[in-house]
Amino acid sequence: MFCATSWPLASAAEKSDADAPHWSDALKDIPIGPFRLDVGGSVRYRYEHQDDFNVQRYAEPRRGFGSDDFLLQRTRLEFTLRMGAEARAFVQLQDARVYDSDFKTDDFDWRLYSCPYRNPLDVRQAYVEWLHIGGSPFGIKIGRQAIFYGDNRVWGPGEWGNVGRYTWDAVKLIADTPAAEVHAIFADRVRYDPHSFDEHDSRLDGYGVYAMLKKLPFRLDLFWLGKRTRPDMVVDAKGTRLDLDTHTVGFAVDGKLGRGWDYGGTLAQTFGRRNGVDVRATGGHARLGYTFNHPWQPRIGAEFSYASGDPDQTDGTFQTFDGAFGGIDTTKYGWMNFFCWMNIQDYEATFSFRPTRKAKIAAEYHFFRLDEAKDAWYWSSGRPARQDATGKAGSNVGQELDLVLTYDFSQRLKAMVGYCHFFPGPFLRRTGASPGADWFFVQTLYTF
């Protein structure tokens, strides 16, 4: 977050860029009887080079390759049919493809873990929404939808990945009062199928209440989220089944302290039952930053992410926090996505500045530890990557340095360039191959 008062007023060139006519203007506010139709979308390309890791694992090359170069393409087309200011129908089509990757679609069992690179043309979202029905505080949103709150840590779709992580066939009941906006959610996960139409998966239910309080000097959200699976849900290639009925309660906060300071945090506690044993797990995140009063807006920050691990998987209590419904491909625990919100301590330092209005340069340093040395290191997919059940390998997994440049050519065309390096720690050196890993990417995003 940045202190806007340190910037001079926008230049005439920047204003003309924002106000200049665009070809897509003809696709907005099209009259159709009593309705208005908006057509929009986006096209995103990302080239990636991965060395000594891939989307499935670290330092365990399949078919003899230790690096991969490929191009990702994601195209979205959106239709919004509006009736007044409170009612709309929305359809979003998505086409996700990959070119020249060493992975093939069938290398991913879509019934267990969807291919994150490829899902040809399909309906990503299709819902109707009506707010303040009849002038009341109440509304409804029903249909296939991406659900996200706050910083997407607790519930989010995972937008960085080419296909995405979570969308839902859901009913959302909304109460928008002067004191708070409250959502009650009842949802089935959508299972991405690269070979046919995506269908909902009734084996995983998500439900809960998310409340966003108002009239406070900071943002405060309160939540209760439920997660339930059918007992026959298979979660890995070995046929492991998951019988889950858990509840996660907590809060998220975001605000500013005086001139230049910003802060935020999330705390979540999970309880319930998992495969016949009690669940007691905790997840948290804290952020503090300061933006200097300078035209380049330099900001320094510190963050800490925590997710409990399980020191003893035979004591009748499951203590590994499972990340709720946060998007796993979020870059929140390092841009290389080596980690998720499970059995982790992530100590993070950040620095960023804007040498021009259009450019931002950011650096992140992460120091990763396992919360419990006897529990596993969990990959971004949520699956165990490595484990030393004795705990003798220690808990120091490694460090990551991320450098990212973003540049806005215009309001509609944006580019990113990033380089990241992972430095393995003693835990990895004691449990198998442990090379340093590199990642380089270039991305363009065009919206209309």
Protein backbone atom coordinates (compact mmCIF):
# COMPACT_ATOMS: atom_id res chain seq x y z
CA MET A 1 0.00 0.00 0.00
CA PHE A 2 1.36 3.43 -0.88
CA CYS A 3 0.88 6.97 0.36
CA ALA A 4 -0.83 8.64 -2.60
CA THR A 5 -0.13 12.16 -1.30
CA SER A 6 3.55 11.89 -2.21
CA TRP A 7 2.72 11.79 -5.94
CA PRO A 8 2.33 14.88 -8.10
CA LEU A 9 -0.84 15.30 -10.13
CA ALA A 10 -1.24 13.15 -13.24
CA SER A 11 0.34 14.56 -16.38
CA ALA A 12 -1.71 15.57 -19.40
CA ALA A 13 -0.32 12.58 -21.34
CA GLU A 14 -1.44 10.18 -18.63
CA LYS A 15 -4.91 11.71 -18.52
CA SER A 16 -5.23 11.48 -22.30
CA ASP A 17 -4.19 7.82 -22.14
CA ALA A 18 -6.95 7.13 -19.63
CA ASP A 19 -9.58 9.11 -21.54
CA ALA A 20 -8.63 8.22 -25.12
CA PRO A 21 -11.25 6.32 -27.13
CA HIS A 22 -10.64 2.60 -27.49
CA TRP A 23 -12.07 0.08 -29.93
CA SER A 24 -13.65 -1.86 -27.09
CA ASP A 25 -15.78 1.15 -26.08
CA ALA A 26 -18.24 0.05 -28.77
CA LEU A 27 -18.75 -3.19 -26.80
CA LYS A 28 -19.91 -1.42 -23.66
CA ASP A 29 -23.38 -0.31 -22.60
CA ILE A 30 -25.12 -1.89 -25.59
CA PRO A 31 -28.91 -1.51 -25.24
CA ILE A 32 -30.89 -4.78 -25.41
CA GLY A 33 -34.47 -3.98 -24.49
CA PRO A 34 -34.52 -3.04 -20.79
CA PHE A 35 -30.97 -4.37 -20.34
CA ARG A 36 -27.45 -3.10 -21.03
CA LEU A 37 -24.73 -5.43 -22.30
CA ASP A 38 -20.99 -5.05 -21.66
CA VAL A 39 -18.49 -7.26 -23.51
CA GLY A 40 -14.88 -7.45 -22.34
CA GLY A 41 -12.04 -9.79 -21.72
CA SER A 42 -8.30 -10.29 -21.50
CA VAL A 43 -5.41 -12.07 -23.18
CA ARG A 44 -2.42 -13.10 -21.09
CA TYR A 45 0.84 -14.65 -22.29
CA ARG A 46 3.63 -15.81 -19.99
CA TYR A 47 6.94 -17.37 -20.96
CA GLU A 48 8.58 -19.36 -18.18
CA HIS A 49 11.98 -20.98 -17.75
CA GLN A 50 12.24 -23.42 -14.85
CA ASP A 51 15.54 -24.96 -13.79
CA ASP A 52 15.83 -27.84 -11.27
CA PHE A 53 12.13 -27.74 -10.43
CA ASN A 54 8.79 -27.99 -12.16
CA VAL A 55 5.14 -27.58 -11.34
CA GLN A 56 4.99 -31.00 -9.68
CA ARG A 57 8.23 -31.29 -7.75
CA TYR A 58 11.69 -30.01 -6.85
CA ALA A 59 14.97 -31.62 -7.91
CA GLU A 60 13.34 -34.83 -9.13
CA PRO A 61 13.33 -34.47 -12.92
CA ARG A 62 10.98 -36.73 -14.81
CA ARG A 63 12.06 -38.33 -18.09
CA GLY A 64 15.55 -36.99 -17.56
CA PHE A 65 14.86 -33.26 -17.86
CA GLY A 66 16.03 -30.78 -15.25
CA SER A 67 14.66 -27.65 -16.90
CA ASP A 68 11.62 -26.65 -18.90
CA ASP A 69 10.81 -23.71 -21.18
CA PHE A 70 7.24 -23.07 -22.27
CA LEU A 71 4.66 -20.47 -23.17
CA LEU A 72 1.33 -20.12 -21.38
CA GLN A 73 -1.69 -18.49 -22.98
CA ARG A 74 -4.90 -17.57 -21.17
CA THR A 75 -7.80 -15.90 -22.98
CA ARG A 76 -10.98 -14.73 -21.29
CA LEU A 77 -14.17 -13.36 -22.83
CA GLU A 78 -16.78 -11.80 -20.55
CA PHE A 79 -20.42 -10.83 -21.01
CA THR A 80 -22.27 -8.74 -18.42
CA LEU A 81 -25.99 -8.16 -18.89
CA ARG A 82 -27.17 -5.40 -16.53
CA MET A 83 -30.65 -4.42 -15.45
CA GLY A 84 -30.30 -1.22 -13.47
CA ALA A 85 -27.51 -0.83 -10.93
CA GLU A 86 -28.32 -3.84 -8.74
CA ALA A 87 -29.03 -6.82 -11.02
CA ARG A 88 -26.80 -8.51 -13.57
CA ALA A 89 -26.02 -11.79 -15.29
CA PHE A 90 -22.37 -12.59 -15.92
CA VAL A 91 -20.70 -15.19 -18.14
CA GLN A 92 -16.94 -15.66 -18.40
CA LEU A 93 -15.38 -18.02 -20.94
CA GLN A 94 -11.78 -19.11 -20.46
CA ASP A 95 -9.35 -20.85 -22.79
CA ALA A 96 -6.04 -21.90 -21.20
CA ARG A 97 -3.26 -23.46 -23.26
CA VAL A 98 0.44 -24.30 -23.00
CA TYR A 99 3.04 -24.53 -25.77
CA ASP A 100 6.29 -26.53 -25.77
CA SER A 101 6.18 -27.77 -22.18
CA ASP A 102 7.81 -31.12 -21.39
CA PHE A 103 4.65 -31.96 -19.47
CA LYS A 104 1.66 -33.41 -21.28
CA THR A 105 -1.94 -33.06 -20.20
CA ASP A 106 -2.14 -36.73 -19.23
CA ASP A 107 0.78 -36.30 -16.83
CA PHE A 108 -1.83 -34.80 -14.49
CA ASP A 109 -4.72 -36.90 -13.22
CA TRP A 110 -7.51 -34.34 -13.50
CA ARG A 111 -9.59 -36.31 -10.97
CA LEU A 112 -6.93 -35.67 -8.32
CA TYR A 113 -5.10 -32.50 -9.28
CA SER A 114 -6.09 -30.57 -12.39
CA CYS A 115 -3.51 -29.73 -15.02
CA PRO A 116 -2.50 -26.16 -14.10
CA TYR A 117 -1.44 -25.32 -17.66
CA ARG A 118 -4.21 -26.46 -19.99
CA ASN A 119 -8.00 -26.37 -20.00
CA PRO A 120 -9.42 -25.55 -23.45
CA LEU A 121 -12.45 -23.34 -23.95
CA ASP A 122 -14.88 -23.73 -21.08
CA VAL A 123 -17.26 -21.74 -18.89
CA ARG A 124 -15.28 -20.43 -15.93
CA GLN A 125 -18.09 -18.33 -14.45
CA ALA A 126 -21.82 -18.07 -15.15
CA TYR A 127 -24.01 -16.52 -12.48
CA VAL A 128 -26.83 -14.11 -11.80
CA GLU A 129 -26.60 -11.51 -9.06
CA TRP A 130 -29.28 -9.26 -7.61
CA LEU A 131 -28.37 -6.90 -4.80
CA HIS A 132 -30.69 -4.88 -2.54
CA ILE A 133 -33.75 -6.71 -3.77
CA GLY A 134 -36.77 -4.42 -3.65
CA GLY A 135 -34.72 -1.77 -1.86
CA SER A 136 -33.94 -4.15 1.01
CA PRO A 137 -30.44 -4.93 2.37
CA PHE A 138 -30.67 -8.47 0.96
CA GLY A 139 -29.34 -9.97 -2.25
CA ILE A 140 -28.33 -13.21 -3.90
CA LYS A 141 -25.62 -14.48 -6.23
CA ILE A 142 -26.17 -17.93 -7.71
CA GLY A 143 -24.24 -19.99 -10.27
CA ARG A 144 -20.65 -20.81 -11.18
CA GLN A 145 -18.37 -18.22 -9.65
CA ALA A 146 -14.89 -17.37 -8.36
CA ILE A 147 -15.06 -16.60 -4.64
CA PHE A 148 -12.48 -14.28 -3.13
CA TYR A 149 -12.16 -12.17 -0.01
CA GLY A 150 -9.49 -9.84 1.33
CA ASP A 151 -6.07 -10.80 0.02
CA ASN A 152 -7.32 -14.24 -1.16
CA ARG A 153 -5.38 -15.96 1.61
CA VAL A 154 -8.39 -17.66 3.22
CA TRP A 155 -10.68 -17.92 0.20
CA GLY A 156 -9.50 -17.11 -3.31
CA PRO A 157 -9.45 -18.52 -6.87
CA GLY A 158 -5.67 -18.61 -7.48
CA GLU A 159 -5.31 -16.18 -10.39
CA TRP A 160 -1.58 -16.56 -11.05
CA GLY A 161 -1.88 -20.06 -12.47
CA ASN A 162 -2.89 -20.46 -16.08
CA VAL A 163 -6.05 -22.44 -15.34
CA GLY A 164 -6.68 -21.33 -11.76
CA ARG A 165 -7.28 -23.31 -8.60
CA TYR A 166 -10.83 -22.88 -7.31
CA THR A 167 -14.17 -21.99 -8.85
CA TRP A 168 -17.49 -23.04 -7.37
CA ASP A 169 -21.07 -23.84 -8.23
CA ALA A 170 -22.46 -21.80 -5.40
CA VAL A 171 -25.29 -19.89 -3.81
CA LYS A 172 -24.27 -16.74 -1.97
CA LEU A 173 -26.82 -14.92 0.20
CA ILE A 174 -25.89 -11.30 0.84
CA ALA A 175 -26.97 -8.86 3.56
CA ASP A 176 -25.59 -5.35 3.08
CA THR A 177 -26.35 -3.22 6.14
CA PRO A 178 -24.82 0.03 7.45
CA ALA A 179 -22.84 -1.97 10.01
CA ALA A 180 -21.54 -4.82 7.84
CA GLU A 181 -21.79 -6.71 4.58
CA VAL A 182 -22.37 -10.38 5.36
CA HIS A 183 -22.20 -13.29 2.90
CA ALA A 184 -23.52 -16.80 3.55
CA ILE A 185 -22.00 -19.30 1.11
CA PHE A 186 -23.03 -22.81 0.04
CA ALA A 187 -20.77 -24.25 -2.66
CA ASP A 188 -19.54 -27.34 -4.54
CA ARG A 189 -16.07 -27.18 -6.05
CA VAL A 190 -15.75 -27.23 -9.85
CA ARG A 191 -13.41 -29.93 -11.12
CA TYR A 192 -11.42 -28.77 -14.16
CA ASP A 193 -11.45 -31.40 -16.91
CA PRO A 194 -9.14 -30.69 -19.88
CA HIS A 195 -10.98 -33.29 -22.00
CA SER A 196 -14.62 -32.19 -21.59
CA PHE A 197 -16.93 -29.66 -19.94
CA ASP A 198 -16.01 -28.78 -16.35
CA GLU A 199 -18.51 -30.20 -13.87
CA HIS A 200 -19.05 -29.60 -10.19
CA ASP A 201 -17.53 -32.09 -7.78
CA SER A 202 -19.99 -32.92 -5.01
CA ARG A 203 -17.24 -34.73 -3.13
CA LEU A 204 -15.94 -31.40 -1.78
CA ASP A 205 -18.32 -28.87 -0.24
CA GLY A 206 -17.42 -25.40 0.95
CA TYR A 207 -19.73 -23.29 3.05
CA GLY A 208 -19.59 -20.56 5.63
CA VAL A 209 -20.24 -16.96 6.61
CA TYR A 210 -17.93 -14.06 5.74
CA ALA A 211 -18.63 -10.64 7.32
CA MET A 212 -16.94 -7.38 6.30
CA LEU A 213 -17.45 -4.80 9.04
CA LYS A 214 -17.98 -1.13 8.17
CA LYS A 215 -17.52 2.25 9.87
CA LEU A 216 -14.16 1.29 11.34
CA PRO A 217 -10.86 3.15 10.80
CA PHE A 218 -9.46 -0.07 9.33
CA ARG A 219 -10.77 -3.10 7.44
CA LEU A 220 -11.94 -5.94 9.65
CA ASP A 221 -13.37 -9.19 8.29
CA LEU A 222 -14.73 -12.05 10.38
CA PHE A 223 -15.25 -15.52 8.95
CA TRP A 224 -16.41 -19.04 9.61
CA LEU A 225 -15.67 -21.52 6.82
CA GLY A 226 -16.68 -25.17 6.59
CA LYS A 227 -15.06 -27.87 4.48
CA ARG A 228 -16.59 -31.31 3.98
CA THR A 229 -15.69 -34.24 1.74
CA ARG A 230 -17.49 -37.45 0.93
CA PRO A 231 -15.74 -40.48 2.47
CA ASP A 232 -14.99 -41.91 -0.98
CA MET A 233 -12.98 -38.90 -2.12
CA VAL A 234 -9.56 -40.07 -3.38
CA VAL A 235 -6.76 -37.55 -2.91
CA ASP A 236 -3.68 -39.20 -4.44
CA ALA A 237 -2.54 -41.83 -6.92
CA LYS A 238 -2.13 -44.39 -4.12
CA GLY A 239 -5.88 -44.38 -3.55
CA THR A 240 -5.74 -42.54 -0.22
CA ARG A 241 -9.22 -41.47 0.82
CA LEU A 242 -10.13 -38.36 2.77
CA ASP A 243 -13.11 -38.12 5.11
CA LEU A 244 -13.08 -34.49 6.23
CA ASP A 245 -15.49 -32.33 8.21
CA THR A 246 -13.73 -29.20 9.51
CA HIS A 247 -14.55 -25.63 10.48
CA THR A 248 -12.22 -22.64 10.31
CA VAL A 249 -12.92 -19.44 12.25
CA GLY A 250 -10.90 -16.26 12.30
CA PHE A 251 -10.45 -12.68 11.21
CA ALA A 252 -8.48 -10.54 8.74
CA VAL A 253 -7.44 -6.93 9.28
CA ASP A 254 -5.93 -4.28 7.02
CA GLY A 255 -5.20 -0.61 7.68
CA LYS A 256 -2.79 2.29 8.06
CA LEU A 257 -1.00 3.82 11.03
CA GLY A 258 -0.29 7.50 10.63
CA ARG A 259 1.56 8.76 7.61
CA GLY A 260 3.32 6.04 5.64
CA TRP A 261 2.69 2.97 7.81
CA ASP A 262 0.50 0.09 6.67
CA TYR A 263 -0.33 -3.18 8.37
CA GLY A 264 -2.40 -6.29 7.89
CA GLY A 265 -2.93 -9.74 9.24
CA THR A 266 -4.99 -12.91 9.30
CA LEU A 267 -5.58 -15.43 12.07
CA ALA A 268 -7.45 -18.69 11.52
CA GLN A 269 -8.20 -21.67 13.76
CA THR A 270 -9.41 -25.00 12.36
CA PHE A 271 -11.22 -27.71 14.29
CA GLY A 272 -13.36 -30.74 13.41
CA ARG A 273 -12.68 -34.30 12.24
CA ARG A 274 -10.34 -35.80 9.63
CA ASN A 275 -10.37 -39.53 8.92
CA GLY A 276 -11.77 -40.23 12.36
CA VAL A 277 -9.39 -38.06 14.42
CA ASP A 278 -9.76 -34.58 15.91
CA VAL A 279 -8.37 -31.58 14.02
CA ARG A 280 -6.71 -28.71 15.89
CA ALA A 281 -4.70 -26.44 13.58
CA THR A 282 -3.76 -22.76 13.31
CA GLY A 283 -2.78 -20.45 10.45
CA GLY A 284 -1.71 -16.84 10.59
CA HIS A 285 -0.11 -13.97 8.71
CA ALA A 286 1.18 -10.55 9.80
CA ARG A 287 2.40 -7.62 7.70
CA LEU A 288 3.97 -4.25 8.54
CA GLY A 289 5.34 -1.75 6.04
CA TYR A 290 6.45 1.84 5.67
CA THR A 291 6.30 3.98 2.52
CA PHE A 292 8.65 6.96 2.44
CA ASN A 293 7.40 10.38 1.39
CA HIS A 294 9.37 10.49 -1.85
CA PRO A 295 8.25 10.67 -5.51
CA TRP A 296 9.56 7.11 -6.07
CA GLN A 297 7.43 5.80 -3.22
CA PRO A 298 10.08 3.48 -1.73
CA ARG A 299 8.47 0.96 0.63
CA ILE A 300 10.08 -1.47 3.05
CA GLY A 301 8.12 -4.21 4.74
CA ALA A 302 8.27 -7.29 6.88
CA GLU A 303 5.85 -10.23 6.86
CA PHE A 304 5.46 -13.50 8.68
CA SER A 305 3.29 -16.41 7.59
CA TYR A 306 2.59 -19.35 9.86
CA ALA A 307 0.76 -22.65 9.49
CA SER A 308 0.92 -25.28 12.19
CA GLY A 309 2.38 -28.71 11.57
CA ASP A 310 1.73 -32.06 13.24
CA PRO A 311 4.55 -33.31 15.50
CA ASP A 312 2.95 -36.72 16.04
CA GLN A 313 0.56 -38.24 13.51
CA THR A 314 -0.25 -41.14 15.83
CA ASP A 315 -1.53 -39.22 18.88
CA GLY A 316 -5.17 -38.97 17.74
CA THR A 317 -5.04 -35.26 16.86
CA PHE A 318 -4.34 -33.83 13.40
CA GLN A 319 -2.56 -30.47 13.72
CA THR A 320 -1.46 -29.61 10.16
CA PHE A 321 -3.23 -26.46 8.99
CA ASP A 322 -4.57 -27.02 5.46
CA GLY A 323 -4.87 -23.50 4.07
CA ALA A 324 -8.71 -23.27 4.05
CA PHE A 325 -9.78 -22.31 0.48
CA GLY A 326 -6.91 -19.98 -0.38
CA GLY A 327 -5.66 -20.13 -3.96
CA ILE A 328 -2.49 -22.25 -3.93
CA ASP A 329 -0.88 -20.47 -6.89
CA THR A 330 -0.91 -17.06 -5.23
CA THR A 331 2.83 -16.17 -4.97
CA LYS A 332 2.17 -15.37 -1.30
CA TYR A 333 4.80 -17.81 -0.04
CA GLY A 334 7.43 -16.99 -2.65
CA TRP A 335 6.89 -16.43 -6.35
CA MET A 336 8.30 -19.87 -7.23
CA ASN A 337 5.36 -21.59 -5.47
CA PHE A 338 7.46 -24.11 -3.58
CA PHE A 339 5.23 -23.80 -0.52
CA CYS A 340 1.63 -23.52 0.57
CA TRP A 341 -0.06 -22.54 3.84
CA MET A 342 0.76 -25.84 5.57
CA ASN A 343 3.44 -26.63 8.20
CA ILE A 344 5.36 -23.47 7.40
CA GLN A 345 7.12 -20.51 8.94
CA ASP A 346 7.85 -17.92 6.25
CA TYR A 347 9.93 -14.90 7.34
CA GLU A 348 9.74 -12.30 4.59
CA ALA A 349 11.40 -8.93 3.89
CA THR A 350 10.21 -6.75 1.02
CA PHE A 351 11.39 -3.63 -0.77
CA SER A 352 9.81 -1.81 -3.69
CA PHE A 353 9.89 1.55 -5.45
CA ARG A 354 8.41 3.29 -8.49
CA PRO A 355 11.05 5.10 -10.58
CA THR A 356 8.22 6.26 -12.89
CA ARG A 357 4.46 6.17 -12.68
CA LYS A 358 4.38 3.26 -15.08
CA ALA A 359 7.12 1.11 -13.52
CA LYS A 360 7.47 -0.70 -10.22
CA ILE A 361 10.51 -2.68 -9.08
CA ALA A 362 10.06 -5.09 -6.16
CA ALA A 363 12.32 -7.46 -4.25
CA GLU A 364 11.31 -10.16 -1.77
CA TYR A 365 13.43 -12.33 0.49
CA HIS A 366 11.92 -15.41 2.13
CA PHE A 367 13.37 -17.66 4.81
CA PHE A 368 11.38 -20.90 5.02
CA ARG A 369 11.17 -23.28 7.94
CA LEU A 370 8.94 -26.21 8.75
CA ASP A 371 6.80 -25.51 11.78
CA GLU A 372 7.24 -29.14 12.86
CA ALA A 373 10.37 -30.99 11.72
CA LYS A 374 8.63 -34.39 11.80
CA ASP A 375 5.83 -33.23 9.53
CA ALA A 376 6.21 -32.88 5.74
CA TRP A 377 7.28 -30.06 3.49
CA TYR A 378 4.10 -29.50 1.46
CA TRP A 379 4.35 -28.47 -2.18
CA SER A 380 2.11 -25.70 -3.54
CA SER A 381 -0.43 -28.36 -4.57
CA GLY A 382 -0.85 -29.29 -0.91
CA ARG A 383 0.81 -32.67 -1.38
CA PRO A 384 3.83 -33.78 0.68
CA ALA A 385 7.10 -33.11 -1.15
CA ARG A 386 9.54 -34.55 1.39
CA GLN A 387 9.43 -35.71 4.97
CA ASP A 388 11.77 -36.98 7.67
CA ALA A 389 9.51 -38.60 10.24
CA THR A 390 12.38 -38.67 12.76
CA GLY A 391 12.85 -34.90 12.61
CA LYS A 392 16.63 -35.31 12.40
CA ALA A 393 16.83 -33.48 9.06
CA GLY A 394 15.81 -30.31 10.87
CA SER A 395 13.34 -27.65 9.81
CA ASN A 396 15.43 -25.22 7.71
CA VAL A 397 14.08 -25.79 4.18
CA GLY A 398 15.70 -22.88 2.38
CA GLN A 399 15.60 -19.30 1.20
CA GLU A 400 14.18 -17.56 -1.85
CA LEU A 401 15.02 -14.27 -3.54
CA ASP A 402 12.44 -12.76 -5.92
CA LEU A 403 12.99 -9.77 -8.23
CA VAL A 404 9.99 -8.52 -10.23
CA LEU A 405 9.57 -5.55 -12.57
CA THR A 406 6.07 -4.47 -13.60
CA TYR A 407 5.46 -1.90 -16.33
CA ASP A 408 2.13 -0.42 -17.42
CA PHE A 409 2.34 0.58 -21.05
CA SER A 410 -1.25 1.78 -20.70
CA GLN A 411 -4.29 1.04 -18.60
CA ARG A 412 -4.98 -1.94 -20.85
CA LEU A 413 -1.49 -3.32 -21.56
CA LYS A 414 0.75 -4.38 -18.68
CA ALA A 415 3.98 -6.35 -18.58
CA MET A 416 5.96 -8.20 -15.90
CA VAL A 417 9.49 -9.59 -15.83
CA GLY A 418 10.77 -11.68 -12.95
CA TYR A 419 13.78 -13.66 -11.81
CA CYS A 420 13.76 -15.87 -8.72
CA HIS A 421 16.34 -18.15 -7.10
CA PHE A 422 15.85 -20.77 -4.41
CA PHE A 423 18.71 -21.58 -2.00
CA PRO A 424 18.27 -25.05 -0.45
CA GLY A 425 18.66 -25.46 3.31
CA PRO A 426 19.89 -28.33 5.53
CA PHE A 427 16.52 -30.11 5.47
CA LEU A 428 16.73 -30.57 1.70
CA ARG A 429 20.41 -31.49 1.70
CA ARG A 430 19.70 -34.23 4.27
CA THR A 431 16.66 -35.67 2.50
CA GLY A 432 17.75 -35.93 -1.13
CA ALA A 433 18.97 -33.95 -4.12
CA SER A 434 19.30 -30.26 -3.28
CA PRO A 435 20.40 -28.04 -6.18
CA GLY A 436 19.70 -24.34 -6.30
CA ALA A 437 16.65 -23.68 -8.47
CA ASP A 438 16.03 -20.79 -10.88
CA TRP A 439 12.93 -19.34 -12.44
CA PHE A 440 12.59 -16.62 -15.06
CA PHE A 441 9.35 -15.31 -16.57
CA VAL A 442 8.05 -12.60 -18.89
CA GLN A 443 4.33 -11.84 -18.93
CA THR A 444 2.03 -9.53 -20.89
CA LEU A 445 -1.61 -8.86 -20.06
CA TYR A 446 -4.01 -7.05 -22.36
CA THR A 447 -7.54 -6.24 -21.16
CA PHE A 448 -10.45 -4.73 -23.03
